[in-house]
Amino acid sequence: PQNGNLTAHLLKARYQIANYIAEDESPGLAVIDWESWR
């Protein structure tokens, strides 16, 4: 993680979130499954 690009990561993540969860979406669950490191 210390060698990752956090800014680029967040920019891409924002696009992906918008693509799969509509802005006016009804209530629900969003699960982030990151398991490679703790």
PDB file of all heavy atoms in Angstrom:
ATOM      1  N   PRO A   1       0.801  -1.234   0.000  1.00  0.00           N
ATOM      2  CA  PRO A   1       0.000   0.000   0.000  1.00  0.00           C
ATOM      3  C   PRO A   1       0.832   1.282   0.000  1.00  0.00           C
ATOM      4  O   PRO A   1       0.426   2.279  -0.602  1.00  0.00           O
ATOM      5  CB  PRO A   1      -0.862  -0.125   1.263  1.00  0.00           C
ATOM      6  CG  PRO A   1      -0.299  -1.253   2.051  1.00  0.00           C
ATOM      7  CD  PRO A   1       0.399  -2.140   1.094  1.00  0.00           C
ATOM      8  N   GLN A   2       2.021   1.271   0.634  1.00  0.00           N
ATOM      9  CA  GLN A   2       2.824   2.499   0.672  1.00  0.00           C
ATOM     10  C   GLN A   2       3.398   2.870  -0.693  1.00  0.00           C
ATOM     11  O   GLN A   2       3.863   3.995  -0.890  1.00  0.00           O
ATOM     12  CB  GLN A   2       3.935   2.406   1.727  1.00  0.00           C
ATOM     13  CG  GLN A   2       4.885   1.236   1.593  1.00  0.00           C
ATOM     14  CD  GLN A   2       4.440   0.027   2.390  1.00  0.00           C
ATOM     15  OE1 GLN A   2       3.289  -0.356   2.334  1.00  0.00           O
ATOM     16  NE2 GLN A   2       5.359  -0.582   3.126  1.00  0.00           N
ATOM     17  N   ASN A   3       3.356   1.941  -1.641  1.00  0.00           N
ATOM     18  CA  ASN A   3       3.800   2.245  -2.998  1.00  0.00           C
ATOM     19  C   ASN A   3       2.632   2.466  -3.955  1.00  0.00           C
ATOM     20  O   ASN A   3       2.840   2.643  -5.156  1.00  0.00           O
ATOM     21  CB  ASN A   3       4.680   1.107  -3.543  1.00  0.00           C
ATOM     22  CG  ASN A   3       6.060   1.100  -2.912  1.00  0.00           C
ATOM     23  OD1 ASN A   3       6.486   2.090  -2.318  1.00  0.00           O
ATOM     24  ND2 ASN A   3       6.748  -0.024  -3.001  1.00  0.00           N
ATOM     25  N   GLY A   4       1.421   2.437  -3.428  1.00  0.00           N
ATOM     26  CA  GLY A   4       0.243   2.643  -4.267  1.00  0.00           C
ATOM     27  C   GLY A   4      -0.005   4.115  -4.539  1.00  0.00           C
ATOM     28  O   GLY A   4       0.516   4.997  -3.854  1.00  0.00           O
ATOM     29  N   ASN A   5      -0.810   4.388  -5.554  1.00  0.00           N
ATOM     30  CA  ASN A   5      -1.184   5.760  -5.924  1.00  0.00           C
ATOM     31  C   ASN A   5      -2.606   5.995  -5.434  1.00  0.00           C
ATOM     32  O   ASN A   5      -3.579   5.643  -6.110  1.00  0.00           O
ATOM     33  CB  ASN A   5      -1.091   5.940  -7.439  1.00  0.00           C
ATOM     34  CG  ASN A   5      -1.298   7.394  -7.857  1.00  0.00           C
ATOM     35  OD1 ASN A   5      -2.048   8.133  -7.227  1.00  0.00           O
ATOM     36  ND2 ASN A   5      -0.631   7.791  -8.930  1.00  0.00           N
ATOM     37  N   LEU A   6      -2.729   6.578  -4.254  1.00  0.00           N
ATOM     38  CA  LEU A   6      -4.034   6.745  -3.624  1.00  0.00           C
ATOM     39  C   LEU A   6      -4.936   7.671  -4.433  1.00  0.00           C
ATOM     40  O   LEU A   6      -6.137   7.419  -4.577  1.00  0.00           O
ATOM     41  CB  LEU A   6      -3.865   7.276  -2.196  1.00  0.00           C
ATOM     42  CG  LEU A   6      -5.146   7.471  -1.370  1.00  0.00           C
ATOM     43  CD1 LEU A   6      -5.930   6.169  -1.261  1.00  0.00           C
ATOM     44  CD2 LEU A   6      -4.816   8.010   0.017  1.00  0.00           C
ATOM     45  N   THR A   7      -4.379   8.731  -4.989  1.00  0.00           N
ATOM     46  CA  THR A   7      -5.184   9.681  -5.780  1.00  0.00           C
ATOM     47  C   THR A   7      -5.793   9.008  -6.998  1.00  0.00           C
ATOM     48  O   THR A   7      -6.996   9.127  -7.262  1.00  0.00           O
ATOM     49  CB  THR A   7      -4.318  10.869  -6.212  1.00  0.00           C
ATOM     50  OG1 THR A   7      -3.786  11.520  -5.050  1.00  0.00           O
ATOM     51  CG2 THR A   7      -5.145  11.881  -7.002  1.00  0.00           C
ATOM     52  N   ALA A   8      -4.953   8.286  -7.750  1.00  0.00           N
ATOM     53  CA  ALA A   8      -5.456   7.578  -8.932  1.00  0.00           C
ATOM     54  C   ALA A   8      -6.460   6.506  -8.538  1.00  0.00           C
ATOM     55  O   ALA A   8      -7.453   6.268  -9.243  1.00  0.00           O
ATOM     56  CB  ALA A   8      -4.281   6.974  -9.701  1.00  0.00           C
ATOM     57  N   HIS A   9      -6.193   5.865  -7.433  1.00  0.00           N
ATOM     58  CA  HIS A   9      -7.101   4.823  -6.927  1.00  0.00           C
ATOM     59  C   HIS A   9      -8.489   5.396  -6.666  1.00  0.00           C
ATOM     60  O   HIS A   9      -9.504   4.826  -7.092  1.00  0.00           O
ATOM     61  CB  HIS A   9      -6.528   4.224  -5.645  1.00  0.00           C
ATOM     62  CG  HIS A   9      -7.537   3.507  -4.803  1.00  0.00           C
ATOM     63  ND1 HIS A   9      -8.021   2.252  -5.110  1.00  0.00           N
ATOM     64  CD2 HIS A   9      -8.172   3.891  -3.657  1.00  0.00           C
ATOM     65  CE1 HIS A   9      -8.905   1.889  -4.196  1.00  0.00           C
ATOM     66  NE2 HIS A   9      -9.016   2.857  -3.307  1.00  0.00           N
ATOM     67  N   LEU A  10      -8.564   6.515  -5.979  1.00  0.00           N
ATOM     68  CA  LEU A  10      -9.851   7.109  -5.628  1.00  0.00           C
ATOM     69  C   LEU A  10     -10.589   7.624  -6.853  1.00  0.00           C
ATOM     70  O   LEU A  10     -11.822   7.530  -6.920  1.00  0.00           O
ATOM     71  CB  LEU A  10      -9.646   8.230  -4.605  1.00  0.00           C
ATOM     72  CG  LEU A  10      -9.137   7.785  -3.226  1.00  0.00           C
ATOM     73  CD1 LEU A  10      -8.819   8.987  -2.355  1.00  0.00           C
ATOM     74  CD2 LEU A  10     -10.163   6.892  -2.527  1.00  0.00           C
ATOM     75  N   LEU A  11      -9.859   8.139  -7.823  1.00  0.00           N
ATOM     76  CA  LEU A  11     -10.497   8.610  -9.057  1.00  0.00           C
ATOM     77  C   LEU A  11     -11.166   7.450  -9.794  1.00  0.00           C
ATOM     78  O   LEU A  11     -12.302   7.559 -10.253  1.00  0.00           O
ATOM     79  CB  LEU A  11      -9.457   9.277  -9.969  1.00  0.00           C
ATOM     80  CG  LEU A  11      -9.013  10.683  -9.566  1.00  0.00           C
ATOM     81  CD1 LEU A  11      -7.850  11.144 -10.442  1.00  0.00           C
ATOM     82  CD2 LEU A  11     -10.176  11.676  -9.680  1.00  0.00           C
ATOM     83  N   LYS A  12     -10.461   6.333  -9.899  1.00  0.00           N
ATOM     84  CA  LYS A  12     -11.033   5.173 -10.571  1.00  0.00           C
ATOM     85  C   LYS A  12     -12.183   4.591  -9.762  1.00  0.00           C
ATOM     86  O   LYS A  12     -13.215   4.194 -10.324  1.00  0.00           O
ATOM     87  CB  LYS A  12      -9.959   4.109 -10.799  1.00  0.00           C
ATOM     88  CG  LYS A  12     -10.457   2.926 -11.600  1.00  0.00           C
ATOM     89  CD  LYS A  12      -9.337   1.938 -11.928  1.00  0.00           C
ATOM     90  CE  LYS A  12      -9.868   0.783 -12.779  1.00  0.00           C
ATOM     91  NZ  LYS A  12      -8.816  -0.196 -13.122  1.00  0.00           N
ATOM     92  N   ALA A  13     -12.022   4.537  -8.445  1.00  0.00           N
ATOM     93  CA  ALA A  13     -13.068   3.989  -7.583  1.00  0.00           C
ATOM     94  C   ALA A  13     -14.354   4.812  -7.689  1.00  0.00           C
ATOM     95  O   ALA A  13     -15.459   4.244  -7.710  1.00  0.00           O
ATOM     96  CB  ALA A  13     -12.593   3.937  -6.137  1.00  0.00           C
ATOM     97  N   ARG A  14     -14.215   6.125  -7.761  1.00  0.00           N
ATOM     98  CA  ARG A  14     -15.408   6.988  -7.874  1.00  0.00           C
ATOM     99  C   ARG A  14     -16.192   6.663  -9.147  1.00  0.00           C
ATOM    100  O   ARG A  14     -17.422   6.567  -9.118  1.00  0.00           O
ATOM    101  CB  ARG A  14     -14.992   8.453  -7.873  1.00  0.00           C
ATOM    102  CG  ARG A  14     -16.146   9.421  -8.104  1.00  0.00           C
ATOM    103  CD  ARG A  14     -15.698  10.853  -7.992  1.00  0.00           C
ATOM    104  NE  ARG A  14     -15.378  11.191  -6.615  1.00  0.00           N
ATOM    105  CZ  ARG A  14     -14.864  12.369  -6.231  1.00  0.00           C
ATOM    106  NH1 ARG A  14     -14.585  13.289  -7.139  1.00  0.00           N
ATOM    107  NH2 ARG A  14     -14.611  12.596  -4.968  1.00  0.00           N
ATOM    108  N   TYR A  15     -15.474   6.471 -10.226  1.00  0.00           N
ATOM    109  CA  TYR A  15     -16.124   6.128 -11.490  1.00  0.00           C
ATOM    110  C   TYR A  15     -16.835   4.782 -11.378  1.00  0.00           C
ATOM    111  O   TYR A  15     -17.968   4.626 -11.840  1.00  0.00           O
ATOM    112  CB  TYR A  15     -15.088   6.084 -12.618  1.00  0.00           C
ATOM    113  CG  TYR A  15     -15.596   5.446 -13.886  1.00  0.00           C
ATOM    114  CD1 TYR A  15     -16.393   6.168 -14.773  1.00  0.00           C
ATOM    115  CD2 TYR A  15     -15.290   4.113 -14.185  1.00  0.00           C
ATOM    116  CE1 TYR A  15     -16.880   5.578 -15.931  1.00  0.00           C
ATOM    117  CE2 TYR A  15     -15.771   3.516 -15.341  1.00  0.00           C
ATOM    118  CZ  TYR A  15     -16.565   4.251 -16.208  1.00  0.00           C
ATOM    119  OH  TYR A  15     -17.036   3.653 -17.343  1.00  0.00           O
ATOM    120  N   GLN A  16     -16.189   3.803 -10.759  1.00  0.00           N
ATOM    121  CA  GLN A  16     -16.778   2.464 -10.646  1.00  0.00           C
ATOM    122  C   GLN A  16     -18.001   2.459  -9.744  1.00  0.00           C
ATOM    123  O   GLN A  16     -18.999   1.788 -10.024  1.00  0.00           O
ATOM    124  CB  GLN A  16     -15.719   1.478 -10.136  1.00  0.00           C
ATOM    125  CG  GLN A  16     -14.621   1.218 -11.158  1.00  0.00           C
ATOM    126  CD  GLN A  16     -13.427   0.501 -10.557  1.00  0.00           C
ATOM    127  OE1 GLN A  16     -12.957   0.859  -9.479  1.00  0.00           O
ATOM    128  NE2 GLN A  16     -12.921  -0.507 -11.260  1.00  0.00           N
ATOM    129  N   ILE A  17     -17.953   3.206  -8.654  1.00  0.00           N
ATOM    130  CA  ILE A  17     -19.113   3.300  -7.761  1.00  0.00           C
ATOM    131  C   ILE A  17     -20.299   3.904  -8.501  1.00  0.00           C
ATOM    132  O   ILE A  17     -21.420   3.396  -8.433  1.00  0.00           O
ATOM    133  CB  ILE A  17     -18.759   4.134  -6.508  1.00  0.00           C
ATOM    134  CG1 ILE A  17     -17.765   3.364  -5.632  1.00  0.00           C
ATOM    135  CG2 ILE A  17     -20.020   4.469  -5.711  1.00  0.00           C
ATOM    136  CD1 ILE A  17     -17.159   4.196  -4.521  1.00  0.00           C
ATOM    137  N   ALA A  18     -20.041   4.989  -9.246  1.00  0.00           N
ATOM    138  CA  ALA A  18     -21.112   5.650  -9.992  1.00  0.00           C
ATOM    139  C   ALA A  18     -21.691   4.744 -11.073  1.00  0.00           C
ATOM    140  O   ALA A  18     -22.880   4.831 -11.406  1.00  0.00           O
ATOM    141  CB  ALA A  18     -20.581   6.940 -10.618  1.00  0.00           C
ATOM    142  N   ASN A  19     -20.864   3.872 -11.599  1.00  0.00           N
ATOM    143  CA  ASN A  19     -21.287   3.003 -12.696  1.00  0.00           C
ATOM    144  C   ASN A  19     -22.212   1.878 -12.233  1.00  0.00           C
ATOM    145  O   ASN A  19     -23.062   1.416 -13.000  1.00  0.00           O
ATOM    146  CB  ASN A  19     -20.050   2.403 -13.382  1.00  0.00           C
ATOM    147  CG  ASN A  19     -20.347   1.921 -14.782  1.00  0.00           C
ATOM    148  OD1 ASN A  19     -21.208   2.463 -15.471  1.00  0.00           O
ATOM    149  ND2 ASN A  19     -19.636   0.899 -15.215  1.00  0.00           N
ATOM    150  N   TYR A  20     -22.052   1.455 -10.981  1.00  0.00           N
ATOM    151  CA  TYR A  20     -22.803   0.288 -10.528  1.00  0.00           C
ATOM    152  C   TYR A  20     -23.838   0.575  -9.443  1.00  0.00           C
ATOM    153  O   TYR A  20     -24.663  -0.287  -9.140  1.00  0.00           O
ATOM    154  CB  TYR A  20     -21.835  -0.799 -10.056  1.00  0.00           C
ATOM    155  CG  TYR A  20     -21.054  -1.374 -11.215  1.00  0.00           C
ATOM    156  CD1 TYR A  20     -19.728  -1.032 -11.433  1.00  0.00           C
ATOM    157  CD2 TYR A  20     -21.670  -2.227 -12.126  1.00  0.00           C
ATOM    158  CE1 TYR A  20     -19.017  -1.542 -12.513  1.00  0.00           C
ATOM    159  CE2 TYR A  20     -20.971  -2.737 -13.206  1.00  0.00           C
ATOM    160  CZ  TYR A  20     -19.657  -2.395 -13.399  1.00  0.00           C
ATOM    161  OH  TYR A  20     -18.972  -2.884 -14.476  1.00  0.00           O
ATOM    162  N   ILE A  21     -23.787   1.755  -8.853  1.00  0.00           N
ATOM    163  CA  ILE A  21     -24.818   2.134  -7.886  1.00  0.00           C
ATOM    164  C   ILE A  21     -25.357   3.498  -8.299  1.00  0.00           C
ATOM    165  O   ILE A  21     -24.632   4.497  -8.246  1.00  0.00           O
ATOM    166  CB  ILE A  21     -24.259   2.200  -6.444  1.00  0.00           C
ATOM    167  CG1 ILE A  21     -23.586   0.883  -6.053  1.00  0.00           C
ATOM    168  CG2 ILE A  21     -25.386   2.523  -5.470  1.00  0.00           C
ATOM    169  CD1 ILE A  21     -22.946   0.913  -4.672  1.00  0.00           C
ATOM    170  N   ALA A  22     -26.600   3.532  -8.735  1.00  0.00           N
ATOM    171  CA  ALA A  22     -27.189   4.781  -9.208  1.00  0.00           C
ATOM    172  C   ALA A  22     -27.294   5.790  -8.069  1.00  0.00           C
ATOM    173  O   ALA A  22     -27.436   5.438  -6.902  1.00  0.00           O
ATOM    174  CB  ALA A  22     -28.571   4.509  -9.803  1.00  0.00           C
ATOM    175  N   GLU A  23     -27.240   7.066  -8.444  1.00  0.00           N
ATOM    176  CA  GLU A  23     -27.229   8.135  -7.439  1.00  0.00           C
ATOM    177  C   GLU A  23     -28.519   8.159  -6.639  1.00  0.00           C
ATOM    178  O   GLU A  23     -28.516   8.466  -5.451  1.00  0.00           O
ATOM    179  CB  GLU A  23     -27.005   9.490  -8.124  1.00  0.00           C
ATOM    180  CG  GLU A  23     -26.669  10.606  -7.164  1.00  0.00           C
ATOM    181  CD  GLU A  23     -26.173  11.852  -7.868  1.00  0.00           C
ATOM    182  OE1 GLU A  23     -26.105  11.846  -9.108  1.00  0.00           O
ATOM    183  OE2 GLU A  23     -25.846  12.836  -7.171  1.00  0.00           O
ATOM    184  N   ASP A  24     -29.640   7.836  -7.270  1.00  0.00           N
ATOM    185  CA  ASP A  24     -30.925   7.854  -6.578  1.00  0.00           C
ATOM    186  C   ASP A  24     -31.363   6.459  -6.155  1.00  0.00           C
ATOM    187  O   ASP A  24     -32.539   6.182  -5.964  1.00  0.00           O
ATOM    188  CB  ASP A  24     -32.003   8.474  -7.469  1.00  0.00           C
ATOM    189  CG  ASP A  24     -32.150   7.733  -8.799  1.00  0.00           C
ATOM    190  OD1 ASP A  24     -31.289   6.875  -9.094  1.00  0.00           O
ATOM    191  OD2 ASP A  24     -33.114   8.020  -9.530  1.00  0.00           O
ATOM    192  N   GLU A  25     -30.362   5.583  -6.027  1.00  0.00           N
ATOM    193  CA  GLU A  25     -30.633   4.186  -5.690  1.00  0.00           C
ATOM    194  C   GLU A  25     -31.322   4.074  -4.325  1.00  0.00           C
ATOM    195  O   GLU A  25     -31.050   4.837  -3.401  1.00  0.00           O
ATOM    196  CB  GLU A  25     -29.320   3.405  -5.643  1.00  0.00           C
ATOM    197  CG  GLU A  25     -29.512   1.910  -5.688  1.00  0.00           C
ATOM    198  CD  GLU A  25     -29.383   1.366  -7.100  1.00  0.00           C
ATOM    199  OE1 GLU A  25     -29.296   2.143  -8.043  1.00  0.00           O
ATOM    200  OE2 GLU A  25     -29.387   0.145  -7.221  1.00  0.00           O
ATOM    201  N   SER A  26     -32.215   3.104  -4.199  1.00  0.00           N
ATOM    202  CA  SER A  26     -32.877   2.841  -2.920  1.00  0.00           C
ATOM    203  C   SER A  26     -31.860   2.259  -1.940  1.00  0.00           C
ATOM    204  O   SER A  26     -30.788   1.801  -2.336  1.00  0.00           O
ATOM    205  CB  SER A  26     -34.032   1.868  -3.126  1.00  0.00           C
ATOM    206  OG  SER A  26     -33.565   0.668  -3.706  1.00  0.00           O
ATOM    207  N   PRO A  27     -32.180   2.238  -0.647  1.00  0.00           N
ATOM    208  CA  PRO A  27     -31.231   1.722   0.350  1.00  0.00           C
ATOM    209  C   PRO A  27     -30.797   0.298   0.046  1.00  0.00           C
ATOM    210  O   PRO A  27     -31.549  -0.501  -0.497  1.00  0.00           O
ATOM    211  CB  PRO A  27     -32.035   1.791   1.653  1.00  0.00           C
ATOM    212  CG  PRO A  27     -33.022   2.883   1.425  1.00  0.00           C
ATOM    213  CD  PRO A  27     -33.396   2.786  -0.021  1.00  0.00           C
ATOM    214  N   GLY A  28     -29.547  -0.004   0.420  1.00  0.00           N
ATOM    215  CA  GLY A  28     -29.007  -1.334   0.188  1.00  0.00           C
ATOM    216  C   GLY A  28     -27.649  -1.476   0.838  1.00  0.00           C
ATOM    217  O   GLY A  28     -27.272  -0.679   1.714  1.00  0.00           O
ATOM    218  N   LEU A  29     -26.894  -2.466   0.411  1.00  0.00           N
ATOM    219  CA  LEU A  29     -25.604  -2.791   1.007  1.00  0.00           C
ATOM    220  C   LEU A  29     -24.489  -2.680  -0.033  1.00  0.00           C
ATOM    221  O   LEU A  29     -24.681  -3.020  -1.199  1.00  0.00           O
ATOM    222  CB  LEU A  29     -25.624  -4.210   1.580  1.00  0.00           C
ATOM    223  CG  LEU A  29     -26.737  -4.522   2.590  1.00  0.00           C
ATOM    224  CD1 LEU A  29     -26.704  -5.991   2.973  1.00  0.00           C
ATOM    225  CD2 LEU A  29     -26.597  -3.638   3.829  1.00  0.00           C
ATOM    226  N   ALA A  30     -23.327  -2.220   0.412  1.00  0.00           N
ATOM    227  CA  ALA A  30     -22.135  -2.153  -0.434  1.00  0.00           C
ATOM    228  C   ALA A  30     -20.988  -2.781   0.342  1.00  0.00           C
ATOM    229  O   ALA A  30     -20.609  -2.294   1.415  1.00  0.00           O
ATOM    230  CB  ALA A  30     -21.804  -0.709  -0.809  1.00  0.00           C
ATOM    231  N   VAL A  31     -20.443  -3.864  -0.195  1.00  0.00           N
ATOM    232  CA  VAL A  31     -19.421  -4.649   0.490  1.00  0.00           C
ATOM    233  C   VAL A  31     -18.104  -4.543  -0.267  1.00  0.00           C
ATOM    234  O   VAL A  31     -18.053  -4.813  -1.474  1.00  0.00           O
ATOM    235  CB  VAL A  31     -19.835  -6.129   0.595  1.00  0.00           C
ATOM    236  CG1 VAL A  31     -18.814  -6.914   1.415  1.00  0.00           C
ATOM    237  CG2 VAL A  31     -21.227  -6.261   1.201  1.00  0.00           C
ATOM    238  N   ILE A  32     -17.048  -4.148   0.440  1.00  0.00           N
ATOM    239  CA  ILE A  32     -15.709  -4.102  -0.152  1.00  0.00           C
ATOM    240  C   ILE A  32     -14.970  -5.350   0.290  1.00  0.00           C
ATOM    241  O   ILE A  32     -14.754  -5.562   1.483  1.00  0.00           O
ATOM    242  CB  ILE A  32     -14.953  -2.829   0.286  1.00  0.00           C
ATOM    243  CG1 ILE A  32     -15.759  -1.574  -0.056  1.00  0.00           C
ATOM    244  CG2 ILE A  32     -13.577  -2.775  -0.380  1.00  0.00           C
ATOM    245  CD1 ILE A  32     -15.165  -0.294   0.510  1.00  0.00           C
ATOM    246  N   ASP A  33     -14.577  -6.165  -0.669  1.00  0.00           N
ATOM    247  CA  ASP A  33     -13.912  -7.435  -0.353  1.00  0.00           C
ATOM    248  C   ASP A  33     -12.434  -7.343  -0.740  1.00  0.00           C
ATOM    249  O   ASP A  33     -12.044  -7.697  -1.845  1.00  0.00           O
ATOM    250  CB  ASP A  33     -14.602  -8.577  -1.106  1.00  0.00           C
ATOM    251  CG  ASP A  33     -14.063  -9.945  -0.694  1.00  0.00           C
ATOM    252  OD1 ASP A  33     -13.216  -9.996   0.216  1.00  0.00           O
ATOM    253  OD2 ASP A  33     -14.474 -10.954  -1.284  1.00  0.00           O
ATOM    254  N   TRP A  34     -11.620  -6.868   0.193  1.00  0.00           N
ATOM    255  CA  TRP A  34     -10.173  -6.762   0.023  1.00  0.00           C
ATOM    256  C   TRP A  34      -9.523  -7.743   0.994  1.00  0.00           C
ATOM    257  O   TRP A  34      -9.586  -7.549   2.207  1.00  0.00           O
ATOM    258  CB  TRP A  34      -9.686  -5.348   0.341  1.00  0.00           C
ATOM    259  CG  TRP A  34     -10.025  -4.324  -0.698  1.00  0.00           C
ATOM    260  CD1 TRP A  34     -10.692  -4.515  -1.864  1.00  0.00           C
ATOM    261  CD2 TRP A  34      -9.683  -2.926  -0.657  1.00  0.00           C
ATOM    262  NE1 TRP A  34     -10.802  -3.335  -2.549  1.00  0.00           N
ATOM    263  CE2 TRP A  34     -10.195  -2.341  -1.841  1.00  0.00           C
ATOM    264  CE3 TRP A  34      -9.009  -2.125   0.259  1.00  0.00           C
ATOM    265  CZ2 TRP A  34     -10.034  -0.985  -2.131  1.00  0.00           C
ATOM    266  CZ3 TRP A  34      -8.853  -0.769  -0.014  1.00  0.00           C
ATOM    267  CH2 TRP A  34      -9.348  -0.210  -1.212  1.00  0.00           C
ATOM    268  N   GLU A  35      -8.881  -8.759   0.484  1.00  0.00           N
ATOM    269  CA  GLU A  35      -8.369  -9.812   1.364  1.00  0.00           C
ATOM    270  C   GLU A  35      -6.880 -10.093   1.224  1.00  0.00           C
ATOM    271  O   GLU A  35      -6.354 -10.936   1.953  1.00  0.00           O
ATOM    272  CB  GLU A  35      -9.143 -11.117   1.112  1.00  0.00           C
ATOM    273  CG  GLU A  35     -10.629 -11.025   1.386  1.00  0.00           C
ATOM    274  CD  GLU A  35     -11.342 -12.349   1.181  1.00  0.00           C
ATOM    275  OE1 GLU A  35     -10.876 -13.365   1.732  1.00  0.00           O
ATOM    276  OE2 GLU A  35     -12.365 -12.377   0.458  1.00  0.00           O
ATOM    277  N   SER A  36      -6.176  -9.416   0.312  1.00  0.00           N
ATOM    278  CA  SER A  36      -4.767  -9.759   0.081  1.00  0.00           C
ATOM    279  C   SER A  36      -3.885  -9.397   1.259  1.00  0.00           C
ATOM    280  O   SER A  36      -2.942 -10.117   1.585  1.00  0.00           O
ATOM    281  CB  SER A  36      -4.260  -9.074  -1.196  1.00  0.00           C
ATOM    282  OG  SER A  36      -4.817  -9.697  -2.331  1.00  0.00           O
ATOM    283  N   TRP A  37      -4.164  -8.261   1.905  1.00  0.00           N
ATOM    284  CA  TRP A  37      -3.415  -7.873   3.098  1.00  0.00           C
ATOM    285  C   TRP A  37      -4.376  -7.292   4.131  1.00  0.00           C
ATOM    286  O   TRP A  37      -5.492  -6.922   3.809  1.00  0.00           O
ATOM    287  CB  TRP A  37      -2.313  -6.852   2.779  1.00  0.00           C
ATOM    288  CG  TRP A  37      -2.727  -5.703   1.881  1.00  0.00           C
ATOM    289  CD1 TRP A  37      -2.552  -5.605   0.529  1.00  0.00           C
ATOM    290  CD2 TRP A  37      -3.375  -4.476   2.274  1.00  0.00           C
ATOM    291  NE1 TRP A  37      -3.059  -4.413   0.051  1.00  0.00           N
ATOM    292  CE2 TRP A  37      -3.557  -3.698   1.109  1.00  0.00           C
ATOM    293  CE3 TRP A  37      -3.818  -3.970   3.484  1.00  0.00           C
ATOM    294  CZ2 TRP A  37      -4.170  -2.444   1.107  1.00  0.00           C
ATOM    295  CZ3 TRP A  37      -4.435  -2.712   3.507  1.00  0.00           C
ATOM    296  CH2 TRP A  37      -4.594  -1.968   2.321  1.00  0.00           C
ATOM    297  N   ARG A  38      -3.906  -7.282   5.374  1.00  0.00           N
ATOM    298  CA  ARG A  38      -4.702  -6.710   6.457  1.00  0.00           C
ATOM    299  C   ARG A  38      -4.025  -5.429   6.927  1.00  0.00           C
ATOM    300  O   ARG A  38      -2.802  -5.320   6.907  1.00  0.00           O
ATOM    301  CB  ARG A  38      -4.824  -7.714   7.611  1.00  0.00           C
ATOM    302  CG  ARG A  38      -5.469  -9.043   7.167  1.00  0.00           C
ATOM    303  CD  ARG A  38      -5.688  -9.978   8.350  1.00  0.00           C
ATOM    304  NE  ARG A  38      -6.238 -11.274   7.910  1.00  0.00           N
ATOM    305  CZ  ARG A  38      -5.559 -12.407   7.892  1.00  0.00           C
ATOM    306  NH1 ARG A  38      -4.274 -12.424   8.317  1.00  0.00           N
ATOM    307  NH2 ARG A  38      -6.115 -13.523   7.482  1.00  0.00           N
TER     308      ARG A  38
END
